[in-house]
Amino acid sequence: NDSVAVQRIKNVLVVRGSQFREDAGPMSHPIRPDSYIAMDNFYTATVYRKGAEIIRMYDTILTSEGFRKGMDLYFKRHDGSAVTCDDFLAAMADANGVDLNQFSRWYSTSGTPTVTYASEYDDKKGVFKLALTQSSRSEDPLFIPVSVGLLDKESGKEVVPTKTLYLKESTQTFEFANLQGQVIPSILRNF
C-alpha cells in the first residue's frame, strides 16, 4: 500500500542500515568477488542490496526506456542460460549504443563511494557552478549518475528540473546558465 516514494525510503534505510555497515567493515567485498571460499559467501547485503542499487543506476543512466531495451536484449541473448554481470552490462550497452566500460568498475569495487559538492553562483552572469568530487576504493573514478535539480533560494520553487549529471572524473564541475537569482542545489534526487 506504500507509495513509490515511501517504499524507496524504506529500501534506502535497509541499504544504509545493513549494506553500508557491511561495506565499511572487515567483511567488505565487491558484488563480484575475484574469488570465493563457498557459495554461501554470495548471500550478503553487498551482493543483493548493492547489486540492486547498481541495477537501479542503469535505469538512471539509460532512462527507463533505455533500460527496457537493454532488458529485452538481455533476455533475447541469455534466456535460460547461466550469465555474468558482464553479460548484463554488455546487453545494456549494446541495446543503447553507449560505452559502459567505466561503469563496470562498480562490480569490482568494495566499499561505499562518497560524493561531496561545492558550489558558487556568478550573479552577473547568472551561472551556477556545481563541483562534484568522488572518493572510493577504486583506483580509477567510478561512473556515478547524480540527479540534480535547482531551487530558487528565496521562494524554494524549482527553477531547473531534475537533470542527471554523469560524474566520471575524480572532480567535475557542471554549469547551469541563464539563471535569474541565487539557487540551492537539490542533489541525489531519486536516490
N, C-alpha and C. Protein backbone atom coordinates (compact mmCIF):
# COMPACT_ATOMS: atom_id res chain seq x y z
N ASN A 1 0.81 -1.20 0.00
CA ASN A 1 0.00 0.00 0.00
C ASN A 1 0.85 1.26 0.00
N ASP A 2 2.15 1.14 0.25
CA ASP A 2 3.01 2.32 0.30
C ASP A 2 3.18 2.93 -1.09
N SER A 3 3.33 4.24 -1.13
CA SER A 3 3.64 4.92 -2.39
C SER A 3 5.06 4.53 -2.81
N VAL A 4 5.39 4.82 -4.05
CA VAL A 4 6.73 4.52 -4.56
C VAL A 4 7.78 5.25 -3.71
N ALA A 5 7.51 6.51 -3.37
CA ALA A 5 8.46 7.30 -2.59
C ALA A 5 8.65 6.72 -1.19
N VAL A 6 7.57 6.32 -0.54
CA VAL A 6 7.67 5.75 0.81
C VAL A 6 8.42 4.42 0.76
N GLN A 7 8.13 3.60 -0.23
CA GLN A 7 8.84 2.32 -0.37
C GLN A 7 10.32 2.55 -0.62
N ARG A 8 10.66 3.57 -1.41
CA ARG A 8 12.07 3.87 -1.68
C ARG A 8 12.78 4.28 -0.40
N ILE A 9 12.12 5.09 0.42
CA ILE A 9 12.71 5.49 1.71
C ILE A 9 12.97 4.26 2.56
N LYS A 10 12.03 3.33 2.60
CA LYS A 10 12.23 2.09 3.37
C LYS A 10 13.42 1.30 2.83
N ASN A 11 13.53 1.21 1.50
CA ASN A 11 14.64 0.48 0.89
C ASN A 11 15.99 1.13 1.23
N VAL A 12 16.03 2.46 1.17
CA VAL A 12 17.28 3.17 1.47
C VAL A 12 17.67 2.97 2.93
N LEU A 13 16.70 2.95 3.83
CA LEU A 13 17.00 2.71 5.24
C LEU A 13 17.64 1.34 5.44
N VAL A 14 17.17 0.34 4.70
CA VAL A 14 17.75 -1.00 4.78
C VAL A 14 19.18 -0.99 4.23
N VAL A 15 19.36 -0.33 3.08
CA VAL A 15 20.69 -0.26 2.48
C VAL A 15 21.66 0.43 3.44
N ARG A 16 21.24 1.56 3.98
CA ARG A 16 22.12 2.30 4.89
C ARG A 16 22.36 1.53 6.18
N GLY A 17 21.36 0.77 6.62
CA GLY A 17 21.50 0.05 7.89
C GLY A 17 22.35 -1.19 7.79
N SER A 18 22.19 -1.99 6.73
CA SER A 18 22.92 -3.25 6.64
C SER A 18 24.06 -3.21 5.64
N GLN A 19 23.78 -2.77 4.43
CA GLN A 19 24.79 -2.83 3.39
C GLN A 19 25.91 -1.83 3.62
N PHE A 20 25.61 -0.60 3.99
CA PHE A 20 26.67 0.38 4.25
C PHE A 20 27.57 -0.10 5.38
N ARG A 21 26.96 -0.68 6.42
CA ARG A 21 27.74 -1.18 7.56
C ARG A 21 28.67 -2.31 7.10
N GLU A 22 28.14 -3.23 6.30
CA GLU A 22 28.97 -4.33 5.79
C GLU A 22 30.10 -3.78 4.92
N ASP A 23 29.79 -2.82 4.05
CA ASP A 23 30.78 -2.26 3.14
C ASP A 23 31.88 -1.47 3.86
N ALA A 24 31.59 -1.00 5.07
CA ALA A 24 32.58 -0.23 5.83
C ALA A 24 33.43 -1.10 6.75
N GLY A 25 33.05 -2.37 6.91
CA GLY A 25 33.71 -3.23 7.87
C GLY A 25 34.73 -4.18 7.25
N PRO A 26 35.23 -5.11 8.07
CA PRO A 26 36.25 -6.05 7.61
C PRO A 26 35.72 -7.07 6.59
N MET A 27 34.41 -7.21 6.47
CA MET A 27 33.82 -8.15 5.52
C MET A 27 33.46 -7.48 4.19
N SER A 28 33.93 -6.26 3.99
CA SER A 28 33.66 -5.53 2.76
C SER A 28 34.18 -6.30 1.55
N HIS A 29 33.37 -6.35 0.52
CA HIS A 29 33.76 -7.04 -0.71
C HIS A 29 32.96 -6.47 -1.87
N PRO A 30 33.47 -6.60 -3.09
CA PRO A 30 32.70 -6.13 -4.25
C PRO A 30 31.52 -7.06 -4.52
N ILE A 31 30.59 -6.62 -5.35
CA ILE A 31 29.45 -7.50 -5.64
C ILE A 31 29.86 -8.67 -6.52
N ARG A 32 30.98 -8.55 -7.20
CA ARG A 32 31.54 -9.66 -7.99
C ARG A 32 32.94 -9.94 -7.47
N PRO A 33 33.05 -10.76 -6.43
CA PRO A 33 34.37 -11.06 -5.87
C PRO A 33 35.26 -11.79 -6.89
N ASP A 34 36.56 -11.56 -6.78
CA ASP A 34 37.51 -12.25 -7.65
C ASP A 34 37.57 -13.74 -7.34
N SER A 35 37.32 -14.09 -6.08
CA SER A 35 37.33 -15.50 -5.67
C SER A 35 36.38 -15.67 -4.48
N TYR A 36 36.07 -16.91 -4.17
CA TYR A 36 35.21 -17.19 -3.03
C TYR A 36 35.56 -18.55 -2.45
N ILE A 37 35.23 -18.73 -1.18
CA ILE A 37 35.52 -19.98 -0.49
C ILE A 37 34.35 -20.95 -0.65
N ALA A 38 33.14 -20.43 -0.49
CA ALA A 38 31.93 -21.25 -0.61
C ALA A 38 30.82 -20.40 -1.21
N MET A 39 29.85 -21.05 -1.85
CA MET A 39 28.75 -20.32 -2.47
C MET A 39 27.96 -19.48 -1.48
N ASP A 40 27.92 -19.89 -0.22
CA ASP A 40 27.15 -19.10 0.74
C ASP A 40 27.80 -17.74 1.00
N ASN A 41 29.02 -17.51 0.48
CA ASN A 41 29.63 -16.18 0.55
C ASN A 41 28.85 -15.16 -0.29
N PHE A 42 28.04 -15.64 -1.23
CA PHE A 42 27.31 -14.73 -2.12
C PHE A 42 26.01 -14.22 -1.51
N TYR A 43 25.58 -14.75 -0.40
CA TYR A 43 24.32 -14.33 0.21
C TYR A 43 24.59 -13.24 1.23
N THR A 44 24.96 -12.06 0.73
CA THR A 44 25.31 -10.95 1.60
C THR A 44 24.51 -9.71 1.20
N ALA A 45 24.48 -8.74 2.11
CA ALA A 45 23.81 -7.47 1.81
C ALA A 45 24.48 -6.78 0.62
N THR A 46 25.80 -6.93 0.51
CA THR A 46 26.50 -6.29 -0.60
C THR A 46 26.04 -6.86 -1.93
N VAL A 47 26.02 -8.17 -2.05
CA VAL A 47 25.63 -8.78 -3.32
C VAL A 47 24.19 -8.41 -3.68
N TYR A 48 23.28 -8.53 -2.73
CA TYR A 48 21.87 -8.30 -3.05
C TYR A 48 21.47 -6.84 -3.00
N ARG A 49 21.79 -6.12 -1.97
CA ARG A 49 21.35 -4.73 -1.85
C ARG A 49 22.16 -3.79 -2.74
N LYS A 50 23.48 -3.88 -2.67
CA LYS A 50 24.31 -3.02 -3.51
C LYS A 50 24.12 -3.41 -4.98
N GLY A 51 24.00 -4.71 -5.23
CA GLY A 51 23.73 -5.17 -6.60
C GLY A 51 22.46 -4.56 -7.16
N ALA A 52 21.41 -4.51 -6.34
CA ALA A 52 20.14 -3.92 -6.78
C ALA A 52 20.30 -2.43 -7.05
N GLU A 53 21.10 -1.74 -6.22
CA GLU A 53 21.33 -0.31 -6.44
C GLU A 53 22.10 -0.08 -7.73
N ILE A 54 23.02 -0.96 -8.05
CA ILE A 54 23.77 -0.83 -9.30
C ILE A 54 22.83 -1.02 -10.49
N ILE A 55 21.95 -1.98 -10.41
CA ILE A 55 20.96 -2.17 -11.48
C ILE A 55 20.07 -0.93 -11.60
N ARG A 56 19.70 -0.33 -10.46
CA ARG A 56 18.88 0.88 -10.48
C ARG A 56 19.63 2.03 -11.16
N MET A 57 20.96 2.07 -11.00
CA MET A 57 21.75 3.12 -11.65
C MET A 57 21.72 2.98 -13.17
N TYR A 58 21.64 1.75 -13.68
CA TYR A 58 21.49 1.57 -15.13
C TYR A 58 20.24 2.32 -15.60
N ASP A 59 19.15 2.18 -14.86
CA ASP A 59 17.89 2.84 -15.21
C ASP A 59 18.08 4.36 -15.19
N THR A 60 18.82 4.87 -14.22
CA THR A 60 19.07 6.31 -14.13
C THR A 60 19.91 6.78 -15.31
N ILE A 61 20.93 6.04 -15.66
CA ILE A 61 21.83 6.42 -16.76
C ILE A 61 21.14 6.30 -18.11
N LEU A 62 20.44 5.21 -18.32
CA LEU A 62 19.88 4.90 -19.64
C LEU A 62 18.45 5.38 -19.84
N THR A 63 17.79 5.83 -18.79
CA THR A 63 16.35 6.14 -18.73
C THR A 63 15.58 4.82 -18.69
N SER A 64 14.35 4.88 -18.27
CA SER A 64 13.54 3.66 -18.18
C SER A 64 13.37 3.00 -19.53
N GLU A 65 13.22 3.80 -20.58
CA GLU A 65 13.07 3.25 -21.93
C GLU A 65 14.34 2.52 -22.36
N GLY A 66 15.50 3.14 -22.11
CA GLY A 66 16.77 2.51 -22.46
C GLY A 66 17.03 1.26 -21.64
N PHE A 67 16.66 1.30 -20.36
CA PHE A 67 16.80 0.13 -19.51
C PHE A 67 15.95 -1.02 -20.05
N ARG A 68 14.72 -0.71 -20.46
CA ARG A 68 13.83 -1.74 -21.02
C ARG A 68 14.43 -2.34 -22.28
N LYS A 69 15.01 -1.50 -23.15
CA LYS A 69 15.66 -2.01 -24.36
C LYS A 69 16.79 -2.96 -23.98
N GLY A 70 17.56 -2.59 -22.96
CA GLY A 70 18.65 -3.45 -22.50
C GLY A 70 18.14 -4.77 -21.95
N MET A 71 17.05 -4.72 -21.18
CA MET A 71 16.47 -5.95 -20.64
C MET A 71 15.97 -6.86 -21.76
N ASP A 72 15.32 -6.27 -22.75
CA ASP A 72 14.83 -7.07 -23.87
C ASP A 72 15.98 -7.79 -24.58
N LEU A 73 17.07 -7.08 -24.81
CA LEU A 73 18.23 -7.70 -25.46
C LEU A 73 18.86 -8.75 -24.55
N TYR A 74 18.94 -8.46 -23.27
CA TYR A 74 19.50 -9.40 -22.31
C TYR A 74 18.73 -10.72 -22.34
N PHE A 75 17.40 -10.66 -22.29
CA PHE A 75 16.60 -11.90 -22.33
C PHE A 75 16.69 -12.59 -23.70
N LYS A 76 16.76 -11.82 -24.76
CA LYS A 76 16.90 -12.41 -26.09
C LYS A 76 18.21 -13.21 -26.19
N ARG A 77 19.27 -12.65 -25.63
CA ARG A 77 20.57 -13.30 -25.70
C ARG A 77 20.73 -14.45 -24.70
N HIS A 78 20.15 -14.31 -23.51
CA HIS A 78 20.54 -15.19 -22.42
C HIS A 78 19.41 -15.96 -21.74
N ASP A 79 18.19 -15.88 -22.24
CA ASP A 79 17.08 -16.56 -21.57
C ASP A 79 17.40 -18.05 -21.40
N GLY A 80 17.35 -18.52 -20.17
CA GLY A 80 17.60 -19.92 -19.86
C GLY A 80 19.07 -20.28 -19.73
N SER A 81 19.95 -19.30 -19.76
CA SER A 81 21.39 -19.55 -19.70
C SER A 81 21.98 -19.03 -18.39
N ALA A 82 23.12 -19.58 -18.03
CA ALA A 82 23.89 -19.01 -16.92
C ALA A 82 24.59 -17.76 -17.45
N VAL A 83 24.59 -16.70 -16.65
CA VAL A 83 25.13 -15.43 -17.12
C VAL A 83 26.05 -14.81 -16.07
N THR A 84 26.71 -13.75 -16.48
CA THR A 84 27.59 -13.00 -15.59
C THR A 84 27.14 -11.54 -15.55
N CYS A 85 27.71 -10.80 -14.64
CA CYS A 85 27.47 -9.35 -14.57
C CYS A 85 27.87 -8.70 -15.90
N ASP A 86 28.94 -9.20 -16.50
CA ASP A 86 29.42 -8.63 -17.76
C ASP A 86 28.43 -8.85 -18.89
N ASP A 87 27.70 -9.97 -18.88
CA ASP A 87 26.67 -10.21 -19.89
C ASP A 87 25.55 -9.17 -19.77
N PHE A 88 25.18 -8.86 -18.54
CA PHE A 88 24.14 -7.86 -18.30
C PHE A 88 24.61 -6.49 -18.78
N LEU A 89 25.82 -6.11 -18.41
CA LEU A 89 26.38 -4.83 -18.82
C LEU A 89 26.46 -4.74 -20.34
N ALA A 90 26.90 -5.80 -21.00
CA ALA A 90 27.02 -5.79 -22.46
C ALA A 90 25.65 -5.60 -23.13
N ALA A 91 24.63 -6.24 -22.61
CA ALA A 91 23.29 -6.09 -23.19
C ALA A 91 22.79 -4.66 -23.03
N MET A 92 23.02 -4.07 -21.86
CA MET A 92 22.61 -2.68 -21.62
C MET A 92 23.35 -1.73 -22.57
N ALA A 93 24.67 -1.92 -22.70
CA ALA A 93 25.48 -1.06 -23.56
C ALA A 93 25.09 -1.23 -25.02
N ASP A 94 25.01 -2.46 -25.48
CA ASP A 94 24.71 -2.73 -26.89
C ASP A 94 23.33 -2.24 -27.29
N ALA A 95 22.34 -2.44 -26.46
CA ALA A 95 20.97 -2.03 -26.78
C ALA A 95 20.83 -0.52 -26.88
N ASN A 96 21.72 0.20 -26.21
CA ASN A 96 21.61 1.66 -26.17
C ASN A 96 22.74 2.38 -26.89
N GLY A 97 23.68 1.62 -27.45
CA GLY A 97 24.78 2.23 -28.18
C GLY A 97 25.65 3.13 -27.32
N VAL A 98 25.89 2.71 -26.06
CA VAL A 98 26.70 3.50 -25.14
C VAL A 98 27.87 2.68 -24.62
N ASP A 99 28.90 3.37 -24.20
CA ASP A 99 30.07 2.73 -23.61
C ASP A 99 29.90 2.71 -22.08
N LEU A 100 29.79 1.54 -21.51
CA LEU A 100 29.62 1.39 -20.06
C LEU A 100 30.84 0.75 -19.40
N ASN A 101 31.99 0.77 -20.09
CA ASN A 101 33.19 0.15 -19.51
C ASN A 101 33.55 0.76 -18.16
N GLN A 102 33.49 2.09 -18.05
CA GLN A 102 33.82 2.72 -16.77
C GLN A 102 32.81 2.32 -15.70
N PHE A 103 31.56 2.15 -16.08
CA PHE A 103 30.53 1.76 -15.11
C PHE A 103 30.81 0.37 -14.53
N SER A 104 31.48 -0.49 -15.30
CA SER A 104 31.77 -1.85 -14.85
C SER A 104 32.64 -1.87 -13.59
N ARG A 105 33.31 -0.77 -13.28
CA ARG A 105 34.14 -0.71 -12.06
C ARG A 105 33.32 -0.94 -10.79
N TRP A 106 32.02 -0.64 -10.86
CA TRP A 106 31.16 -0.89 -9.71
C TRP A 106 31.18 -2.36 -9.30
N TYR A 107 31.31 -3.26 -10.26
CA TYR A 107 31.26 -4.69 -9.97
C TYR A 107 32.47 -5.18 -9.17
N SER A 108 33.59 -4.47 -9.30
CA SER A 108 34.82 -4.94 -8.64
C SER A 108 35.31 -4.00 -7.54
N THR A 109 34.49 -3.03 -7.15
CA THR A 109 34.89 -2.07 -6.12
C THR A 109 34.14 -2.34 -4.82
N SER A 110 34.88 -2.57 -3.76
CA SER A 110 34.25 -2.72 -2.45
C SER A 110 34.09 -1.35 -1.81
N GLY A 111 33.33 -1.31 -0.74
CA GLY A 111 33.14 -0.05 -0.03
C GLY A 111 32.04 0.80 -0.65
N THR A 112 31.71 1.85 0.05
CA THR A 112 30.67 2.78 -0.39
C THR A 112 31.34 4.09 -0.82
N PRO A 113 31.15 4.49 -2.07
CA PRO A 113 31.77 5.75 -2.50
C PRO A 113 31.12 6.94 -1.80
N THR A 114 31.86 8.02 -1.77
CA THR A 114 31.37 9.28 -1.21
C THR A 114 31.40 10.34 -2.30
N VAL A 115 30.33 11.12 -2.38
CA VAL A 115 30.27 12.24 -3.31
C VAL A 115 30.07 13.50 -2.47
N THR A 116 30.95 14.48 -2.65
CA THR A 116 30.80 15.76 -1.98
C THR A 116 30.62 16.84 -3.04
N TYR A 117 30.13 17.99 -2.61
CA TYR A 117 29.94 19.06 -3.58
C TYR A 117 30.39 20.41 -3.02
N ALA A 118 30.69 21.30 -3.94
CA ALA A 118 30.94 22.71 -3.65
C ALA A 118 30.24 23.48 -4.75
N SER A 119 29.78 24.67 -4.43
CA SER A 119 29.06 25.43 -5.45
C SER A 119 29.38 26.90 -5.35
N GLU A 120 29.14 27.59 -6.47
CA GLU A 120 29.27 29.03 -6.50
C GLU A 120 28.31 29.59 -7.54
N TYR A 121 27.87 30.80 -7.28
CA TYR A 121 26.93 31.45 -8.20
C TYR A 121 27.51 32.78 -8.64
N ASP A 122 27.55 33.01 -9.95
CA ASP A 122 28.00 34.28 -10.51
C ASP A 122 26.76 35.09 -10.82
N ASP A 123 26.47 36.05 -9.96
CA ASP A 123 25.26 36.86 -10.08
C ASP A 123 25.23 37.67 -11.37
N LYS A 124 26.39 38.16 -11.80
CA LYS A 124 26.45 38.98 -13.01
C LYS A 124 26.16 38.17 -14.26
N LYS A 125 26.66 36.95 -14.31
CA LYS A 125 26.47 36.10 -15.49
C LYS A 125 25.25 35.19 -15.37
N GLY A 126 24.69 35.04 -14.17
CA GLY A 126 23.55 34.15 -13.98
C GLY A 126 23.95 32.69 -14.14
N VAL A 127 25.17 32.35 -13.69
CA VAL A 127 25.69 30.99 -13.85
C VAL A 127 25.95 30.38 -12.48
N PHE A 128 25.43 29.18 -12.30
CA PHE A 128 25.65 28.40 -11.08
C PHE A 128 26.60 27.27 -11.43
N LYS A 129 27.68 27.14 -10.67
CA LYS A 129 28.65 26.06 -10.89
C LYS A 129 28.56 25.08 -9.72
N LEU A 130 28.44 23.82 -10.07
CA LEU A 130 28.36 22.74 -9.09
C LEU A 130 29.54 21.81 -9.32
N ALA A 131 30.46 21.77 -8.35
CA ALA A 131 31.62 20.88 -8.43
C ALA A 131 31.32 19.64 -7.60
N LEU A 132 31.40 18.48 -8.23
CA LEU A 132 31.19 17.19 -7.56
C LEU A 132 32.53 16.47 -7.48
N THR A 133 32.82 15.92 -6.31
CA THR A 133 34.05 15.16 -6.10
C THR A 133 33.69 13.80 -5.53
N GLN A 134 34.28 12.77 -6.11
CA GLN A 134 34.03 11.42 -5.62
C GLN A 134 35.29 10.83 -5.02
N SER A 135 35.07 9.96 -4.04
CA SER A 135 36.16 9.16 -3.49
C SER A 135 35.62 7.76 -3.25
N SER A 136 36.45 6.78 -3.53
CA SER A 136 36.06 5.38 -3.36
C SER A 136 37.32 4.53 -3.25
N ARG A 137 37.14 3.25 -3.11
CA ARG A 137 38.27 2.32 -3.05
C ARG A 137 38.77 1.92 -4.44
N SER A 138 38.12 2.41 -5.46
CA SER A 138 38.54 2.13 -6.83
C SER A 138 39.79 2.95 -7.15
N GLU A 139 40.73 2.35 -7.87
CA GLU A 139 41.92 3.09 -8.26
C GLU A 139 41.59 4.19 -9.25
N ASP A 140 40.56 3.98 -10.04
CA ASP A 140 40.12 4.95 -11.03
C ASP A 140 38.70 5.41 -10.68
N PRO A 141 38.31 6.59 -11.15
CA PRO A 141 36.97 7.08 -10.82
C PRO A 141 35.86 6.14 -11.31
N LEU A 142 34.80 6.09 -10.53
CA LEU A 142 33.60 5.35 -10.91
C LEU A 142 32.75 6.23 -11.83
N PHE A 143 31.80 5.63 -12.50
CA PHE A 143 30.79 6.36 -13.27
C PHE A 143 29.58 6.44 -12.34
N ILE A 144 29.32 7.65 -11.81
CA ILE A 144 28.24 7.83 -10.85
C ILE A 144 27.20 8.78 -11.43
N PRO A 145 25.98 8.30 -11.65
CA PRO A 145 24.92 9.21 -12.09
C PRO A 145 24.39 10.00 -10.89
N VAL A 146 24.35 11.31 -11.01
CA VAL A 146 23.90 12.17 -9.92
C VAL A 146 22.74 13.02 -10.45
N SER A 147 21.54 12.76 -9.96
CA SER A 147 20.37 13.53 -10.38
C SER A 147 20.26 14.78 -9.53
N VAL A 148 20.15 15.93 -10.20
CA VAL A 148 20.19 17.23 -9.55
C VAL A 148 19.06 18.11 -10.08
N GLY A 149 18.51 18.92 -9.21
CA GLY A 149 17.60 19.99 -9.59
C GLY A 149 18.05 21.24 -8.87
N LEU A 150 17.61 22.40 -9.31
CA LEU A 150 17.95 23.65 -8.65
C LEU A 150 16.68 24.35 -8.18
N LEU A 151 16.74 24.84 -6.94
CA LEU A 151 15.61 25.54 -6.33
C LEU A 151 15.97 27.00 -6.12
N ASP A 152 15.01 27.88 -6.38
CA ASP A 152 15.19 29.29 -6.11
C ASP A 152 15.43 29.48 -4.61
N LYS A 153 16.48 30.21 -4.26
CA LYS A 153 16.84 30.37 -2.85
C LYS A 153 15.77 31.13 -2.07
N GLU A 154 15.10 32.06 -2.69
CA GLU A 154 14.09 32.86 -2.00
C GLU A 154 12.75 32.15 -1.87
N SER A 155 12.26 31.62 -2.98
CA SER A 155 10.90 31.05 -2.98
C SER A 155 10.86 29.54 -2.74
N GLY A 156 11.99 28.86 -3.00
CA GLY A 156 12.01 27.40 -2.88
C GLY A 156 11.43 26.70 -4.10
N LYS A 157 10.99 27.46 -5.09
CA LYS A 157 10.42 26.86 -6.30
C LYS A 157 11.53 26.30 -7.19
N GLU A 158 11.20 25.22 -7.85
CA GLU A 158 12.16 24.58 -8.75
C GLU A 158 12.38 25.47 -9.98
N VAL A 159 13.64 25.80 -10.26
CA VAL A 159 13.96 26.60 -11.44
C VAL A 159 14.69 25.78 -12.51
N VAL A 160 15.29 24.69 -12.11
CA VAL A 160 15.88 23.74 -13.06
C VAL A 160 15.38 22.36 -12.65
N PRO A 161 14.57 21.72 -13.51
CA PRO A 161 14.05 20.39 -13.15
C PRO A 161 15.17 19.34 -13.10
N THR A 162 14.83 18.19 -12.60
CA THR A 162 15.81 17.12 -12.42
C THR A 162 16.57 16.83 -13.71
N LYS A 163 17.87 16.83 -13.57
CA LYS A 163 18.78 16.53 -14.68
C LYS A 163 19.82 15.56 -14.14
N THR A 164 20.14 14.52 -14.89
CA THR A 164 21.15 13.57 -14.44
C THR A 164 22.52 13.97 -14.98
N LEU A 165 23.43 14.18 -14.05
CA LEU A 165 24.81 14.52 -14.38
C LEU A 165 25.64 13.23 -14.31
N TYR A 166 26.61 13.10 -15.18
CA TYR A 166 27.44 11.91 -15.20
C TYR A 166 28.81 12.24 -14.62
N LEU A 167 29.00 11.86 -13.37
CA LEU A 167 30.27 12.08 -12.67
C LEU A 167 31.20 10.93 -13.05
N LYS A 168 32.20 11.23 -13.89
CA LYS A 168 33.11 10.20 -14.40
C LYS A 168 34.57 10.49 -14.06
N GLU A 169 34.81 11.63 -13.44
CA GLU A 169 36.16 12.01 -13.06
C GLU A 169 36.21 12.16 -11.54
N SER A 170 37.40 12.28 -11.01
CA SER A 170 37.52 12.46 -9.55
C SER A 170 36.78 13.72 -9.11
N THR A 171 36.93 14.78 -9.88
CA THR A 171 36.19 16.03 -9.65
C THR A 171 35.74 16.57 -10.99
N GLN A 172 34.49 16.97 -11.06
CA GLN A 172 33.95 17.58 -12.26
C GLN A 172 33.09 18.77 -11.87
N THR A 173 33.12 19.80 -12.70
CA THR A 173 32.28 20.98 -12.47
C THR A 173 31.23 21.06 -13.58
N PHE A 174 29.99 21.24 -13.17
CA PHE A 174 28.86 21.35 -14.08
C PHE A 174 28.31 22.76 -13.97
N GLU A 175 27.99 23.37 -15.11
CA GLU A 175 27.48 24.73 -15.12
C GLU A 175 26.01 24.77 -15.53
N PHE A 176 25.27 25.63 -14.86
CA PHE A 176 23.87 25.89 -15.17
C PHE A 176 23.76 27.38 -15.48
N ALA A 177 23.41 27.72 -16.72
CA ALA A 177 23.40 29.12 -17.16
C ALA A 177 21.98 29.69 -17.19
N ASN A 178 21.92 30.98 -17.44
CA ASN A 178 20.66 31.71 -17.64
C ASN A 178 19.75 31.70 -16.42
N LEU A 179 20.34 31.77 -15.24
CA LEU A 179 19.55 31.80 -14.01
C LEU A 179 19.27 33.24 -13.61
N GLN A 180 18.15 33.45 -12.92
CA GLN A 180 17.73 34.79 -12.57
C GLN A 180 18.03 35.18 -11.13
N GLY A 181 18.66 34.30 -10.37
CA GLY A 181 18.97 34.61 -8.99
C GLY A 181 19.63 33.43 -8.30
N GLN A 182 19.95 33.61 -7.03
CA GLN A 182 20.60 32.56 -6.24
C GLN A 182 19.76 31.28 -6.22
N VAL A 183 20.43 30.15 -6.26
CA VAL A 183 19.74 28.85 -6.24
C VAL A 183 20.37 27.94 -5.18
N ILE A 184 19.61 26.93 -4.82
CA ILE A 184 20.08 25.89 -3.89
C ILE A 184 20.01 24.57 -4.66
N PRO A 185 21.11 23.81 -4.67
CA PRO A 185 21.05 22.53 -5.39
C PRO A 185 20.30 21.48 -4.58
N SER A 186 19.51 20.69 -5.25
CA SER A 186 18.84 19.52 -4.69
C SER A 186 19.53 18.31 -5.33
N ILE A 187 20.42 17.69 -4.56
CA ILE A 187 21.34 16.69 -5.11
C ILE A 187 20.93 15.27 -4.71
N LEU A 188 21.24 14.32 -5.58
CA LEU A 188 20.94 12.89 -5.40
C LEU A 188 19.43 12.64 -5.34
N ARG A 189 18.71 13.32 -6.20
CA ARG A 189 17.28 13.10 -6.31
C ARG A 189 17.03 11.66 -6.75
N ASN A 190 15.98 11.11 -6.27
CA ASN A 190 15.58 9.73 -6.59
C ASN A 190 16.56 8.69 -6.09
N PHE A 191 17.48 9.09 -5.19
CA PHE A 191 18.36 8.09 -4.60
C PHE A 191 17.50 7.25 -3.71
